[in-house]
């Protein structure tokens, strides 16, 4: 497992993420833990899109990529389909997965296009 930082949150991940996001652990505390579970995808059709949302658990199945489950804004479970492209899986984690995690943590995230910064409740994060 390696340490990463995204949107100011520390992440401890079993899933490889882009090297530019690697970080030094701060007090060995992770805001988010990302783990692999090869069985989460069992029963899911690898050719169909599926999503389910609640404030505490969100599940997303993306064709030919994999299944993500975000739990309570602190845990993400990743289950890639066989032959999934690693870059595409990383994009899924960093875009859709992190958006769900941040929402579960109680923030409304909006990208500020001109400065490429992140806004939470109208304040820069």
Protein backbone atom coordinates (compact mmCIF):
# COMPACT_ATOMS: atom_id res chain seq x y z
CA UNK A 1 0.00 0.00 0.00
CA UNK A 2 1.15 3.53 -0.77
CA UNK A 3 0.25 7.02 0.41
CA UNK A 4 -1.32 9.59 -1.91
CA UNK A 5 -2.95 13.00 -1.58
CA UNK A 6 -6.04 14.11 -3.52
CA UNK A 7 -8.15 17.22 -2.83
CA UNK A 8 -6.18 17.76 0.35
CA UNK A 9 -7.14 14.33 1.69
CA UNK A 10 -4.57 11.69 2.58
CA UNK A 11 -5.16 8.31 0.94
CA UNK A 12 -3.72 4.92 1.80
CA UNK A 13 -4.23 2.75 -1.27
CA UNK A 14 -3.70 -0.82 -2.43
CA UNK A 15 -4.53 0.37 -5.94
CA UNK A 16 -1.72 2.09 -7.86
CA UNK A 17 -2.54 5.73 -8.52
CA UNK A 18 -0.56 8.26 -10.62
CA UNK A 19 2.94 8.89 -9.23
CA UNK A 20 2.37 12.66 -9.14
CA UNK A 21 -0.20 12.08 -6.38
CA UNK A 22 2.20 10.22 -4.08
CA UNK A 23 2.61 11.82 -0.68
CA UNK A 24 4.43 11.38 2.58
CA UNK A 25 2.16 10.03 5.36
CA UNK A 26 1.17 12.55 8.01
CA UNK A 27 1.03 10.87 11.43
CA UNK A 28 0.20 7.59 9.61
CA UNK A 29 -3.42 8.75 9.43
CA UNK A 30 -5.44 8.26 6.25
CA UNK A 31 -8.60 10.20 5.50
CA UNK A 32 -9.50 7.55 2.91
CA UNK A 33 -8.47 3.92 2.51
CA UNK A 34 -8.70 2.28 -0.92
CA UNK A 35 -8.65 -1.53 -0.98
CA UNK A 36 -9.01 -4.22 -3.64
CA UNK A 37 -11.73 -6.85 -3.41
CA UNK A 38 -11.77 -9.22 -6.38
CA UNK A 39 -15.17 -10.57 -5.32
CA UNK A 40 -17.15 -7.31 -5.26
CA UNK A 41 -17.73 -7.56 -9.01
CA UNK A 42 -19.24 -11.07 -8.72
CA UNK A 43 -22.78 -11.02 -10.07
CA UNK A 44 -22.24 -7.76 -11.98
CA UNK A 45 -22.49 -7.74 -15.77
CA UNK A 46 -19.13 -6.43 -17.09
CA UNK A 47 -20.92 -5.01 -20.13
CA UNK A 48 -23.59 -2.95 -18.33
CA UNK A 49 -23.45 0.33 -16.44
CA UNK A 50 -24.95 0.26 -12.94
CA UNK A 51 -25.07 2.76 -10.09
CA UNK A 52 -26.66 2.87 -6.67
CA UNK A 53 -26.45 5.80 -4.26
CA UNK A 54 -27.22 6.43 -0.62
CA UNK A 55 -25.59 8.96 1.71
CA UNK A 56 -23.46 6.20 3.26
CA UNK A 57 -22.89 3.66 0.45
CA UNK A 58 -22.49 4.24 -3.28
CA UNK A 59 -21.80 1.53 -5.86
CA UNK A 60 -20.74 2.12 -9.44
CA UNK A 61 -20.18 -0.49 -12.16
CA UNK A 62 -18.53 0.77 -15.35
CA UNK A 63 -18.45 -1.58 -18.37
CA UNK A 64 -15.11 -3.25 -19.07
CA UNK A 65 -13.49 -1.32 -16.19
CA UNK A 66 -14.76 -2.46 -12.81
CA UNK A 67 -16.87 -1.89 -9.74
CA UNK A 68 -16.32 0.77 -7.08
CA UNK A 69 -18.04 0.95 -3.72
CA UNK A 70 -17.63 4.08 -1.61
CA UNK A 71 -18.52 3.77 2.05
CA UNK A 72 -19.15 6.56 4.51
CA UNK A 73 -16.72 8.96 2.88
CA UNK A 74 -13.74 7.03 4.28
CA UNK A 75 -13.40 3.77 2.37
CA UNK A 76 -13.37 2.83 -1.32
CA UNK A 77 -13.44 -0.77 -2.49
CA UNK A 78 -12.20 -1.45 -6.03
CA UNK A 79 -12.89 -4.58 -8.06
CA UNK A 80 -11.55 -4.37 -11.64
CA UNK A 81 -12.87 -6.59 -14.41
CA UNK A 82 -10.38 -8.93 -16.10
CA UNK A 83 -8.34 -7.04 -18.70
CA UNK A 84 -9.38 -3.60 -17.42
CA UNK A 85 -7.15 -0.74 -18.55
CA UNK A 86 -5.18 0.57 -15.52
CA UNK A 87 -5.37 4.22 -16.66
CA UNK A 88 -9.13 3.99 -17.12
CA UNK A 89 -9.50 2.40 -13.68
CA UNK A 90 -7.43 5.19 -12.11
CA UNK A 91 -9.61 7.80 -13.83
CA UNK A 92 -12.72 6.09 -12.48
CA UNK A 93 -11.30 6.10 -8.94
CA UNK A 94 -10.08 9.71 -9.08
CA UNK A 95 -13.11 11.21 -10.79
CA UNK A 96 -16.27 9.32 -9.91
CA UNK A 97 -15.02 7.55 -6.81
CA UNK A 98 -13.52 10.65 -5.21
CA UNK A 99 -16.58 12.75 -6.10
CA UNK A 100 -18.78 10.24 -4.25
CA UNK A 101 -16.38 10.13 -1.28
CA UNK A 102 -16.33 13.93 -1.02
CA UNK A 103 -20.14 14.11 -1.25
CA UNK A 104 -20.42 11.46 1.47
CA UNK A 105 -18.15 13.63 3.61
CA UNK A 106 -20.69 16.46 3.28
CA UNK A 107 -19.09 18.67 0.65
CA UNK A 108 -20.45 19.99 -2.61
CA UNK A 109 -17.51 19.94 -5.00
CA UNK A 110 -17.32 22.15 -8.05
CA UNK A 111 -14.24 22.57 -10.19
CA UNK A 112 -13.27 26.15 -10.80
CA UNK A 113 -12.29 25.98 -14.49
CA UNK A 114 -10.19 29.15 -14.74
CA UNK A 115 -7.82 28.35 -11.89
CA UNK A 116 -8.24 24.56 -11.73
CA UNK A 117 -8.90 24.69 -8.00
CA UNK A 118 -11.57 22.94 -5.99
CA UNK A 119 -14.39 24.72 -4.22
CA UNK A 120 -16.27 23.34 -1.23
CA UNK A 121 -19.28 25.38 -0.07
CA UNK A 122 -17.89 28.35 -1.98
CA UNK A 123 -14.47 28.27 -0.30
CA UNK A 124 -11.19 27.18 -1.86
CA UNK A 125 -9.98 23.84 -0.56
